[in-house]
Amino acid sequence: MSRICNLLSATLFAALSLIAQLPRDAKGCADSEALPKLALCRIDNCESKDNDQRNVAVREKEKGEPVTAALDGDSRSIMYECAVGATPASIVQEGVAGLRAAGFSVLYQFQEVEGAITARKNDFWVLLDAADRFYTLVELKAAPPDFESITEAVGFADAIERYGHVPVYGIHFPAGRAELLPDSASALRELAAMLEAHPDWRLRIESHTDNFGGKMANMTLSARRAAAVASWLVGNGIKRIRLETAGLGETRPVANNSAEEGRAKNERIELVRISAQQ
């Protein structure tokens, strides 16, 4: 018991010694509520920006390169200094755990000589960049893009360039079925034109449903709908090797399913750029 007490005392003394190495938090800088300062760290400085624009990593390609998306919105940056011994890897690991515990989805993380995290909860984003024993945390309230107004090839392409994906609301199906309705032809022609204008693009066609019906039935239905869109594009000159399909059912709603307007937004086709052809 004596040895345990001595070990705990030594550990506590070491921690207090590390804390003593750091100055107090900078005045006028509030800590992050999404990810409060990590253990043995202090706030060094902070700044806010209106109408901030950033390209952020949102996932990795097959070979590990980050895929980025453009974000616009008001931001707040907080710079932290940590005690000697902190590393980008330890900062990223602790940051990921804290963000997940706070209900954020961690879209991207990287830890080598430097470290980075991209996390999201609805339209609130947290970006972390770590170097040595320092890290910067950016909180950004993103202004949602007006995807519903996009109806032409150029607009679809611009959204994919900026955000890496675009929902297409002009493609329709009968309730509970996977046959394309005739009024989908205009949107499908624009998608084909976009793909013809960008021959190096490969896309994943994702189909989403609302929450009506069973979960497994919605997964099956969405898979069939994604395949129907791919078949139309292939039948109109797009090489099948450029397309992947995914049926995601009701798993990724973008609106409240309790209202008809929300269900209409959730039942959608979404295009995701997955890579450039080699």
C-alpha atoms as a PDB file:
ATOM      1  CA  MET A   1       0.000   0.000   0.000  1.00  0.00           C
ATOM      2  CA  SER A   2       2.865   2.338   0.855  1.00  0.00           C
ATOM      3  CA  ARG A   3       4.431   1.799  -2.575  1.00  0.00           C
ATOM      4  CA  ILE A   4       1.118   2.576  -4.295  1.00  0.00           C
ATOM      5  CA  CYS A   5       0.712   5.786  -2.294  1.00  0.00           C
ATOM      6  CA  ASN A   6       4.252   6.808  -3.127  1.00  0.00           C
ATOM      7  CA  LEU A   7       3.664   6.120  -6.829  1.00  0.00           C
ATOM      8  CA  LEU A   8       0.438   8.140  -6.835  1.00  0.00           C
ATOM      9  CA  SER A   9       2.161  10.983  -5.042  1.00  0.00           C
ATOM     10  CA  ALA A  10       5.024  10.962  -7.531  1.00  0.00           C
ATOM     11  CA  THR A  11       2.580  10.941 -10.464  1.00  0.00           C
ATOM     12  CA  LEU A  12       0.584  13.822  -8.985  1.00  0.00           C
ATOM     13  CA  PHE A  13       3.767  15.787  -8.312  1.00  0.00           C
ATOM     14  CA  ALA A  14       4.919  15.250 -11.906  1.00  0.00           C
ATOM     15  CA  ALA A  15       1.564  16.420 -13.266  1.00  0.00           C
ATOM     16  CA  LEU A  16       1.593  19.508 -11.056  1.00  0.00           C
ATOM     17  CA  SER A  17       5.140  20.248 -12.163  1.00  0.00           C
ATOM     18  CA  LEU A  18       4.077  20.117 -15.798  1.00  0.00           C
ATOM     19  CA  ILE A  19       1.116  22.407 -15.144  1.00  0.00           C
ATOM     20  CA  ALA A  20       3.422  24.849 -13.368  1.00  0.00           C
ATOM     21  CA  GLN A  21       5.485  25.114 -16.562  1.00  0.00           C
ATOM     22  CA  LEU A  22       2.550  26.712 -18.399  1.00  0.00           C
ATOM     23  CA  PRO A  23       1.352  30.319 -18.055  1.00  0.00           C
ATOM     24  CA  ARG A  24      -2.310  31.030 -17.353  1.00  0.00           C
ATOM     25  CA  ASP A  25      -4.892  31.045 -20.132  1.00  0.00           C
ATOM     26  CA  ALA A  26      -4.813  34.118 -22.340  1.00  0.00           C
ATOM     27  CA  LYS A  27      -7.260  36.786 -21.206  1.00  0.00           C
ATOM     28  CA  GLY A  28     -10.373  37.329 -23.271  1.00  0.00           C
ATOM     29  CA  CYS A  29     -10.349  33.841 -24.830  1.00  0.00           C
ATOM     30  CA  ALA A  30     -13.183  31.486 -23.929  1.00  0.00           C
ATOM     31  CA  ASP A  31     -12.501  27.767 -24.055  1.00  0.00           C
ATOM     32  CA  SER A  32     -14.226  25.543 -26.615  1.00  0.00           C
ATOM     33  CA  GLU A  33     -17.478  23.976 -25.440  1.00  0.00           C
ATOM     34  CA  ALA A  34     -17.290  21.288 -28.118  1.00  0.00           C
ATOM     35  CA  LEU A  35     -13.798  20.155 -27.104  1.00  0.00           C
ATOM     36  CA  PRO A  36     -12.577  21.867 -23.915  1.00  0.00           C
ATOM     37  CA  LYS A  37      -8.810  22.233 -23.591  1.00  0.00           C
ATOM     38  CA  LEU A  38      -7.030  18.924 -23.310  1.00  0.00           C
ATOM     39  CA  ALA A  39      -5.245  17.792 -20.163  1.00  0.00           C
ATOM     40  CA  LEU A  40      -2.097  19.800 -19.296  1.00  0.00           C
ATOM     41  CA  CYS A  41      -2.817  22.447 -21.939  1.00  0.00           C
ATOM     42  CA  ARG A  42      -3.585  26.174 -21.860  1.00  0.00           C
ATOM     43  CA  ILE A  43      -5.228  28.712 -24.158  1.00  0.00           C
ATOM     44  CA  ASP A  44      -2.532  30.771 -25.857  1.00  0.00           C
ATOM     45  CA  ASN A  45      -4.651  33.081 -28.051  1.00  0.00           C
ATOM     46  CA  CYS A  46      -7.823  33.219 -30.112  1.00  0.00           C
ATOM     47  CA  GLU A  47      -9.537  34.986 -33.000  1.00  0.00           C
ATOM     48  CA  SER A  48     -12.889  35.100 -34.777  1.00  0.00           C
ATOM     49  CA  LYS A  49     -13.717  35.532 -38.460  1.00  0.00           C
ATOM     50  CA  ASP A  50     -16.975  36.361 -40.211  1.00  0.00           C
ATOM     51  CA  ASN A  51     -17.644  34.700 -43.566  1.00  0.00           C
ATOM     52  CA  ASP A  52     -14.629  32.426 -43.250  1.00  0.00           C
ATOM     53  CA  GLN A  53     -13.862  30.103 -46.175  1.00  0.00           C
ATOM     54  CA  ARG A  54     -11.872  26.916 -45.738  1.00  0.00           C
ATOM     55  CA  ASN A  55     -11.091  23.699 -47.612  1.00  0.00           C
ATOM     56  CA  VAL A  56     -11.185  20.861 -45.089  1.00  0.00           C
ATOM     57  CA  ALA A  57     -10.342  17.165 -45.280  1.00  0.00           C
ATOM     58  CA  VAL A  58     -13.506  15.061 -45.004  1.00  0.00           C
ATOM     59  CA  ARG A  59     -12.281  11.554 -45.843  1.00  0.00           C
ATOM     60  CA  GLU A  60      -9.418   9.592 -47.401  1.00  0.00           C
ATOM     61  CA  LYS A  61      -9.055   8.264 -50.916  1.00  0.00           C
ATOM     62  CA  GLU A  62      -8.060   4.647 -51.468  1.00  0.00           C
ATOM     63  CA  LYS A  63      -4.355   5.555 -51.346  1.00  0.00           C
ATOM     64  CA  GLY A  64      -4.696   7.682 -48.232  1.00  0.00           C
ATOM     65  CA  GLU A  65      -4.780  11.148 -49.778  1.00  0.00           C
ATOM     66  CA  PRO A  66      -7.367  13.457 -48.170  1.00  0.00           C
ATOM     67  CA  VAL A  67     -10.530  14.424 -50.016  1.00  0.00           C
ATOM     68  CA  THR A  68     -11.454  18.031 -49.243  1.00  0.00           C
ATOM     69  CA  ALA A  69     -14.678  19.998 -49.176  1.00  0.00           C
ATOM     70  CA  ALA A  70     -15.265  23.747 -49.090  1.00  0.00           C
ATOM     71  CA  LEU A  71     -16.899  25.307 -46.028  1.00  0.00           C
ATOM     72  CA  ASP A  72     -18.250  28.833 -45.623  1.00  0.00           C
ATOM     73  CA  GLY A  73     -19.391  30.375 -42.351  1.00  0.00           C
ATOM     74  CA  ASP A  74     -18.438  32.292 -39.228  1.00  0.00           C
ATOM     75  CA  SER A  75     -15.518  30.749 -37.343  1.00  0.00           C
ATOM     76  CA  ARG A  76     -13.662  30.972 -34.047  1.00  0.00           C
ATOM     77  CA  SER A  77     -10.062  29.763 -33.661  1.00  0.00           C
ATOM     78  CA  ILE A  78      -8.453  28.900 -30.344  1.00  0.00           C
ATOM     79  CA  MET A  79      -4.731  28.188 -30.114  1.00  0.00           C
ATOM     80  CA  TYR A  80      -3.529  25.930 -27.308  1.00  0.00           C
ATOM     81  CA  GLU A  81      -0.123  25.219 -25.817  1.00  0.00           C
ATOM     82  CA  CYS A  82       0.400  21.916 -24.005  1.00  0.00           C
ATOM     83  CA  ALA A  83       2.991  20.791 -21.482  1.00  0.00           C
ATOM     84  CA  VAL A  84       6.287  19.256 -22.557  1.00  0.00           C
ATOM     85  CA  GLY A  85       5.683  15.646 -23.558  1.00  0.00           C
ATOM     86  CA  ALA A  86       2.511  16.235 -25.559  1.00  0.00           C
ATOM     87  CA  THR A  87       2.716  15.090 -29.192  1.00  0.00           C
ATOM     88  CA  PRO A  88       0.481  15.480 -32.256  1.00  0.00           C
ATOM     89  CA  ALA A  89      -0.463  11.797 -31.898  1.00  0.00           C
ATOM     90  CA  SER A  90      -1.513  12.159 -28.246  1.00  0.00           C
ATOM     91  CA  ILE A  91      -3.416  15.370 -29.034  1.00  0.00           C
ATOM     92  CA  VAL A  92      -5.284  13.727 -31.926  1.00  0.00           C
ATOM     93  CA  GLN A  93      -6.112  10.609 -29.902  1.00  0.00           C
ATOM     94  CA  GLU A  94      -7.453  12.598 -26.964  1.00  0.00           C
ATOM     95  CA  GLY A  95      -9.264  14.993 -29.304  1.00  0.00           C
ATOM     96  CA  VAL A  96     -11.007  12.193 -31.215  1.00  0.00           C
ATOM     97  CA  ALA A  97     -12.170  10.582 -27.975  1.00  0.00           C
ATOM     98  CA  GLY A  98     -13.504  13.888 -26.644  1.00  0.00           C
ATOM     99  CA  LEU A  99     -15.335  14.801 -29.833  1.00  0.00           C
ATOM    100  CA  ARG A 100     -16.981  11.395 -30.135  1.00  0.00           C
ATOM    101  CA  ALA A 101     -18.066  11.583 -26.513  1.00  0.00           C
ATOM    102  CA  ALA A 102     -19.646  14.966 -27.319  1.00  0.00           C
ATOM    103  CA  GLY A 103     -21.680  13.434 -30.157  1.00  0.00           C
ATOM    104  CA  PHE A 104     -19.562  14.530 -33.118  1.00  0.00           C
ATOM    105  CA  SER A 105     -18.908  12.371 -36.163  1.00  0.00           C
ATOM    106  CA  VAL A 106     -15.169  12.216 -36.816  1.00  0.00           C
ATOM    107  CA  LEU A 107     -14.859  12.365 -40.608  1.00  0.00           C
ATOM    108  CA  TYR A 108     -11.079  12.498 -40.881  1.00  0.00           C
ATOM    109  CA  GLN A 109      -8.066  12.049 -38.623  1.00  0.00           C
ATOM    110  CA  PHE A 110      -4.336  12.064 -39.290  1.00  0.00           C
ATOM    111  CA  GLN A 111      -1.391  11.634 -36.944  1.00  0.00           C
ATOM    112  CA  GLU A 112       2.269  11.522 -37.893  1.00  0.00           C
ATOM    113  CA  VAL A 113       4.798  14.339 -37.482  1.00  0.00           C
ATOM    114  CA  GLU A 114       1.733  16.604 -37.436  1.00  0.00           C
ATOM    115  CA  GLY A 115      -1.885  15.782 -36.705  1.00  0.00           C
ATOM    116  CA  ALA A 116      -5.365  16.783 -37.861  1.00  0.00           C
ATOM    117  CA  ILE A 117      -9.018  16.086 -37.126  1.00  0.00           C
ATOM    118  CA  THR A 118     -12.212  17.026 -38.963  1.00  0.00           C
ATOM    119  CA  ALA A 119     -15.422  16.449 -36.993  1.00  0.00           C
ATOM    120  CA  ARG A 120     -19.019  17.446 -37.574  1.00  0.00           C
ATOM    121  CA  LYS A 121     -22.335  17.618 -35.734  1.00  0.00           C
ATOM    122  CA  ASN A 122     -25.055  18.750 -38.152  1.00  0.00           C
ATOM    123  CA  ASP A 123     -23.812  22.088 -39.576  1.00  0.00           C
ATOM    124  CA  PHE A 124     -21.311  22.697 -36.740  1.00  0.00           C
ATOM    125  CA  TRP A 125     -17.741  21.719 -37.614  1.00  0.00           C
ATOM    126  CA  VAL A 126     -14.640  21.314 -35.461  1.00  0.00           C
ATOM    127  CA  LEU A 127     -11.213  21.325 -37.127  1.00  0.00           C
ATOM    128  CA  LEU A 128      -8.022  20.527 -35.208  1.00  0.00           C
ATOM    129  CA  ASP A 129      -4.437  20.922 -36.393  1.00  0.00           C
ATOM    130  CA  ALA A 130      -1.563  19.817 -34.146  1.00  0.00           C
ATOM    131  CA  ALA A 131       2.180  20.420 -34.426  1.00  0.00           C
ATOM    132  CA  ASP A 132       4.766  19.613 -31.777  1.00  0.00           C
ATOM    133  CA  ARG A 133       2.962  20.314 -28.443  1.00  0.00           C
ATOM    134  CA  PHE A 134       0.644  22.977 -29.860  1.00  0.00           C
ATOM    135  CA  TYR A 135      -2.755  22.698 -31.501  1.00  0.00           C
ATOM    136  CA  THR A 136      -5.330  24.993 -33.066  1.00  0.00           C
ATOM    137  CA  LEU A 137      -9.031  24.296 -32.767  1.00  0.00           C
ATOM    138  CA  VAL A 138     -11.430  25.918 -35.244  1.00  0.00           C
ATOM    139  CA  GLU A 139     -15.163  25.939 -34.602  1.00  0.00           C
ATOM    140  CA  LEU A 140     -17.165  26.795 -37.707  1.00  0.00           C
ATOM    141  CA  LYS A 141     -20.901  27.184 -38.127  1.00  0.00           C
ATOM    142  CA  ALA A 142     -21.272  26.309 -41.799  1.00  0.00           C
ATOM    143  CA  ALA A 143     -23.800  28.049 -43.989  1.00  0.00           C
ATOM    144  CA  PRO A 144     -25.619  25.169 -45.705  1.00  0.00           C
ATOM    145  CA  PRO A 145     -25.390  25.217 -49.514  1.00  0.00           C
ATOM    146  CA  ASP A 146     -28.643  25.603 -51.442  1.00  0.00           C
ATOM    147  CA  PHE A 147     -28.471  22.204 -53.131  1.00  0.00           C
ATOM    148  CA  GLU A 148     -32.180  22.185 -53.996  1.00  0.00           C
ATOM    149  CA  SER A 149     -31.757  25.048 -56.461  1.00  0.00           C
ATOM    150  CA  ILE A 150     -29.186  23.130 -58.539  1.00  0.00           C
ATOM    151  CA  THR A 151     -30.735  21.737 -61.727  1.00  0.00           C
ATOM    152  CA  GLU A 152     -28.032  21.995 -64.424  1.00  0.00           C
ATOM    153  CA  ALA A 153     -24.784  20.184 -65.228  1.00  0.00           C
ATOM    154  CA  VAL A 154     -22.548  23.163 -64.411  1.00  0.00           C
ATOM    155  CA  GLY A 155     -24.161  23.593 -60.992  1.00  0.00           C
ATOM    156  CA  PHE A 156     -23.836  19.890 -60.157  1.00  0.00           C
ATOM    157  CA  ALA A 157     -20.169  19.941 -61.171  1.00  0.00           C
ATOM    158  CA  ASP A 158     -19.443  23.059 -59.121  1.00  0.00           C
ATOM    159  CA  ALA A 159     -21.036  21.526 -56.018  1.00  0.00           C
ATOM    160  CA  ILE A 160     -19.007  18.341 -56.415  1.00  0.00           C
ATOM    161  CA  GLU A 161     -15.831  20.378 -56.860  1.00  0.00           C
ATOM    162  CA  ARG A 162     -16.538  22.415 -53.729  1.00  0.00           C
ATOM    163  CA  TYR A 163     -18.153  19.887 -51.416  1.00  0.00           C
ATOM    164  CA  GLY A 164     -17.227  16.488 -52.845  1.00  0.00           C
ATOM    165  CA  HIS A 165     -20.889  15.520 -53.212  1.00  0.00           C
ATOM    166  CA  VAL A 166     -24.254  16.824 -54.373  1.00  0.00           C
ATOM    167  CA  PRO A 167     -27.832  15.660 -53.734  1.00  0.00           C
ATOM    168  CA  VAL A 168     -30.029  15.536 -56.829  1.00  0.00           C
ATOM    169  CA  TYR A 169     -33.670  16.294 -56.093  1.00  0.00           C
ATOM    170  CA  GLY A 170     -34.926  16.070 -59.665  1.00  0.00           C
ATOM    171  CA  ILE A 171     -34.803  12.247 -59.793  1.00  0.00           C
ATOM    172  CA  HIS A 172     -38.087  10.651 -58.738  1.00  0.00           C
ATOM    173  CA  PHE A 173     -39.506   7.172 -58.177  1.00  0.00           C
ATOM    174  CA  PRO A 174     -42.997   5.847 -57.415  1.00  0.00           C
ATOM    175  CA  ALA A 175     -43.584   5.242 -53.703  1.00  0.00           C
ATOM    176  CA  GLY A 176     -41.922   2.005 -52.654  1.00  0.00           C
ATOM    177  CA  ARG A 177     -40.619   1.220 -56.145  1.00  0.00           C
ATOM    178  CA  ALA A 178     -37.369   1.616 -58.084  1.00  0.00           C
ATOM    179  CA  GLU A 179     -38.576   2.517 -61.590  1.00  0.00           C
ATOM    180  CA  LEU A 180     -37.526   5.995 -62.702  1.00  0.00           C
ATOM    181  CA  LEU A 181     -40.449   8.354 -63.297  1.00  0.00           C
ATOM    182  CA  PRO A 182     -40.530  10.203 -66.652  1.00  0.00           C
ATOM    183  CA  ASP A 183     -40.009  13.595 -64.991  1.00  0.00           C
ATOM    184  CA  SER A 184     -36.517  12.416 -63.923  1.00  0.00           C
ATOM    185  CA  ALA A 185     -35.226  12.615 -67.504  1.00  0.00           C
ATOM    186  CA  SER A 186     -34.179  16.269 -67.324  1.00  0.00           C
ATOM    187  CA  ALA A 187     -32.005  15.814 -64.223  1.00  0.00           C
ATOM    188  CA  LEU A 188     -30.533  12.582 -65.582  1.00  0.00           C
ATOM    189  CA  ARG A 189     -29.574  14.277 -68.853  1.00  0.00           C
ATOM    190  CA  GLU A 190     -27.800  17.023 -66.877  1.00  0.00           C
ATOM    191  CA  LEU A 191     -25.889  14.401 -64.887  1.00  0.00           C
ATOM    192  CA  ALA A 192     -24.824  12.667 -68.078  1.00  0.00           C
ATOM    193  CA  ALA A 193     -23.671  16.003 -69.500  1.00  0.00           C
ATOM    194  CA  MET A 194     -21.690  16.703 -66.341  1.00  0.00           C
ATOM    195  CA  LEU A 195     -19.960  13.328 -66.537  1.00  0.00           C
ATOM    196  CA  GLU A 196     -19.183  13.837 -70.220  1.00  0.00           C
ATOM    197  CA  ALA A 197     -17.619  17.217 -69.362  1.00  0.00           C
ATOM    198  CA  HIS A 198     -15.444  15.604 -66.652  1.00  0.00           C
ATOM    199  CA  PRO A 199     -14.246  12.313 -68.155  1.00  0.00           C
ATOM    200  CA  ASP A 200     -11.718  11.714 -65.341  1.00  0.00           C
ATOM    201  CA  TRP A 201     -14.392  11.689 -62.605  1.00  0.00           C
ATOM    202  CA  ARG A 202     -15.668   8.544 -60.925  1.00  0.00           C
ATOM    203  CA  LEU A 203     -18.832   8.837 -58.853  1.00  0.00           C
ATOM    204  CA  ARG A 204     -20.675   6.817 -56.267  1.00  0.00           C
ATOM    205  CA  ILE A 205     -24.442   6.987 -56.723  1.00  0.00           C
ATOM    206  CA  GLU A 206     -25.996   6.880 -53.267  1.00  0.00           C
ATOM    207  CA  SER A 207     -29.720   6.403 -52.797  1.00  0.00           C
ATOM    208  CA  HIS A 208     -31.464   7.470 -49.585  1.00  0.00           C
ATOM    209  CA  THR A 209     -35.012   7.000 -48.312  1.00  0.00           C
ATOM    210  CA  ASP A 210     -37.199   8.456 -45.573  1.00  0.00           C
ATOM    211  CA  ASN A 211     -38.092   6.268 -42.582  1.00  0.00           C
ATOM    212  CA  PHE A 212     -41.373   4.900 -43.924  1.00  0.00           C
ATOM    213  CA  GLY A 213     -41.273   1.111 -44.196  1.00  0.00           C
ATOM    214  CA  GLY A 214     -38.888  -1.302 -42.517  1.00  0.00           C
ATOM    215  CA  LYS A 215     -35.176  -0.581 -42.315  1.00  0.00           C
ATOM    216  CA  MET A 216     -34.158  -3.637 -44.341  1.00  0.00           C
ATOM    217  CA  ALA A 217     -36.847  -2.937 -46.955  1.00  0.00           C
ATOM    218  CA  ASN A 218     -35.562   0.634 -47.302  1.00  0.00           C
ATOM    219  CA  MET A 219     -31.980  -0.588 -47.702  1.00  0.00           C
ATOM    220  CA  THR A 220     -33.088  -2.936 -50.494  1.00  0.00           C
ATOM    221  CA  LEU A 221     -35.237  -0.277 -52.151  1.00  0.00           C
ATOM    222  CA  SER A 222     -32.446   2.305 -52.085  1.00  0.00           C
ATOM    223  CA  ALA A 223     -29.960  -0.168 -53.576  1.00  0.00           C
ATOM    224  CA  ARG A 224     -32.348  -0.854 -56.461  1.00  0.00           C
ATOM    225  CA  ARG A 225     -32.894   2.870 -57.029  1.00  0.00           C
ATOM    226  CA  ALA A 226     -29.159   3.593 -57.140  1.00  0.00           C
ATOM    227  CA  ALA A 227     -28.761   0.766 -59.655  1.00  0.00           C
ATOM    228  CA  ALA A 228     -31.596   2.210 -61.784  1.00  0.00           C
ATOM    229  CA  VAL A 229     -29.827   5.580 -62.000  1.00  0.00           C
ATOM    230  CA  ALA A 230     -26.539   3.906 -62.925  1.00  0.00           C
ATOM    231  CA  SER A 231     -28.293   1.836 -65.613  1.00  0.00           C
ATOM    232  CA  TRP A 232     -29.836   4.959 -67.138  1.00  0.00           C
ATOM    233  CA  LEU A 233     -26.470   6.719 -67.281  1.00  0.00           C
ATOM    234  CA  VAL A 234     -24.752   3.673 -68.789  1.00  0.00           C
ATOM    235  CA  GLY A 235     -27.538   3.406 -71.341  1.00  0.00           C
ATOM    236  CA  ASN A 236     -26.858   7.003 -72.292  1.00  0.00           C
ATOM    237  CA  GLY A 237     -23.157   6.752 -72.936  1.00  0.00           C
ATOM    238  CA  ILE A 238     -21.431   6.776 -69.500  1.00  0.00           C
ATOM    239  CA  LYS A 239     -18.965   3.935 -68.912  1.00  0.00           C
ATOM    240  CA  ARG A 240     -20.038   1.630 -66.095  1.00  0.00           C
ATOM    241  CA  ILE A 241     -16.500   1.533 -64.677  1.00  0.00           C
ATOM    242  CA  ARG A 242     -16.898   5.201 -63.706  1.00  0.00           C
ATOM    243  CA  LEU A 243     -19.889   4.492 -61.458  1.00  0.00           C
ATOM    244  CA  GLU A 244     -20.397   2.786 -58.139  1.00  0.00           C
ATOM    245  CA  THR A 245     -23.728   2.405 -56.368  1.00  0.00           C
ATOM    246  CA  ALA A 246     -24.770   2.292 -52.730  1.00  0.00           C
ATOM    247  CA  GLY A 247     -28.175   1.912 -51.104  1.00  0.00           C
ATOM    248  CA  LEU A 248     -28.139   3.591 -47.688  1.00  0.00           C
ATOM    249  CA  GLY A 249     -31.825   3.459 -46.833  1.00  0.00           C
ATOM    250  CA  GLU A 250     -32.895   5.728 -43.988  1.00  0.00           C
ATOM    251  CA  THR A 251     -29.479   5.830 -42.270  1.00  0.00           C
ATOM    252  CA  ARG A 252     -28.456   9.377 -43.290  1.00  0.00           C
ATOM    253  CA  PRO A 253     -31.388  11.779 -43.004  1.00  0.00           C
ATOM    254  CA  VAL A 254     -30.775  15.470 -43.731  1.00  0.00           C
ATOM    255  CA  ALA A 255     -34.152  16.662 -42.417  1.00  0.00           C
ATOM    256  CA  ASN A 256     -36.878  15.694 -39.950  1.00  0.00           C
ATOM    257  CA  ASN A 257     -38.927  12.722 -41.134  1.00  0.00           C
ATOM    258  CA  SER A 258     -41.967  13.865 -39.133  1.00  0.00           C
ATOM    259  CA  ALA A 259     -42.915  16.408 -41.816  1.00  0.00           C
ATOM    260  CA  GLU A 260     -43.663  15.787 -45.496  1.00  0.00           C
ATOM    261  CA  GLU A 261     -41.099  18.415 -46.551  1.00  0.00           C
ATOM    262  CA  GLY A 262     -38.413  16.696 -44.494  1.00  0.00           C
ATOM    263  CA  ARG A 263     -39.240  13.267 -45.908  1.00  0.00           C
ATOM    264  CA  ALA A 264     -38.973  14.692 -49.436  1.00  0.00           C
ATOM    265  CA  LYS A 265     -35.457  15.956 -48.674  1.00  0.00           C
ATOM    266  CA  ASN A 266     -34.403  12.658 -47.153  1.00  0.00           C
ATOM    267  CA  GLU A 267     -35.628  10.612 -50.130  1.00  0.00           C
ATOM    268  CA  ARG A 268     -32.925  11.584 -52.586  1.00  0.00           C
ATOM    269  CA  ILE A 269     -30.155  10.499 -54.928  1.00  0.00           C
ATOM    270  CA  GLU A 270     -26.728  11.793 -53.957  1.00  0.00           C
ATOM    271  CA  LEU A 271     -23.554  11.778 -56.052  1.00  0.00           C
ATOM    272  CA  VAL A 272     -20.178  11.474 -54.324  1.00  0.00           C
ATOM    273  CA  ARG A 273     -16.877  11.916 -56.110  1.00  0.00           C
ATOM    274  CA  ILE A 274     -14.682   8.957 -55.163  1.00  0.00           C
ATOM    275  CA  SER A 275     -11.547   9.447 -57.260  1.00  0.00           C
ATOM    276  CA  ALA A 276     -10.103  10.503 -60.583  1.00  0.00           C
ATOM    277  CA  GLN A 277      -9.558   7.805 -63.184  1.00  0.00           C
ATOM    278  CA  GLN A 278      -5.945   6.737 -63.588  1.00  0.00           C
END
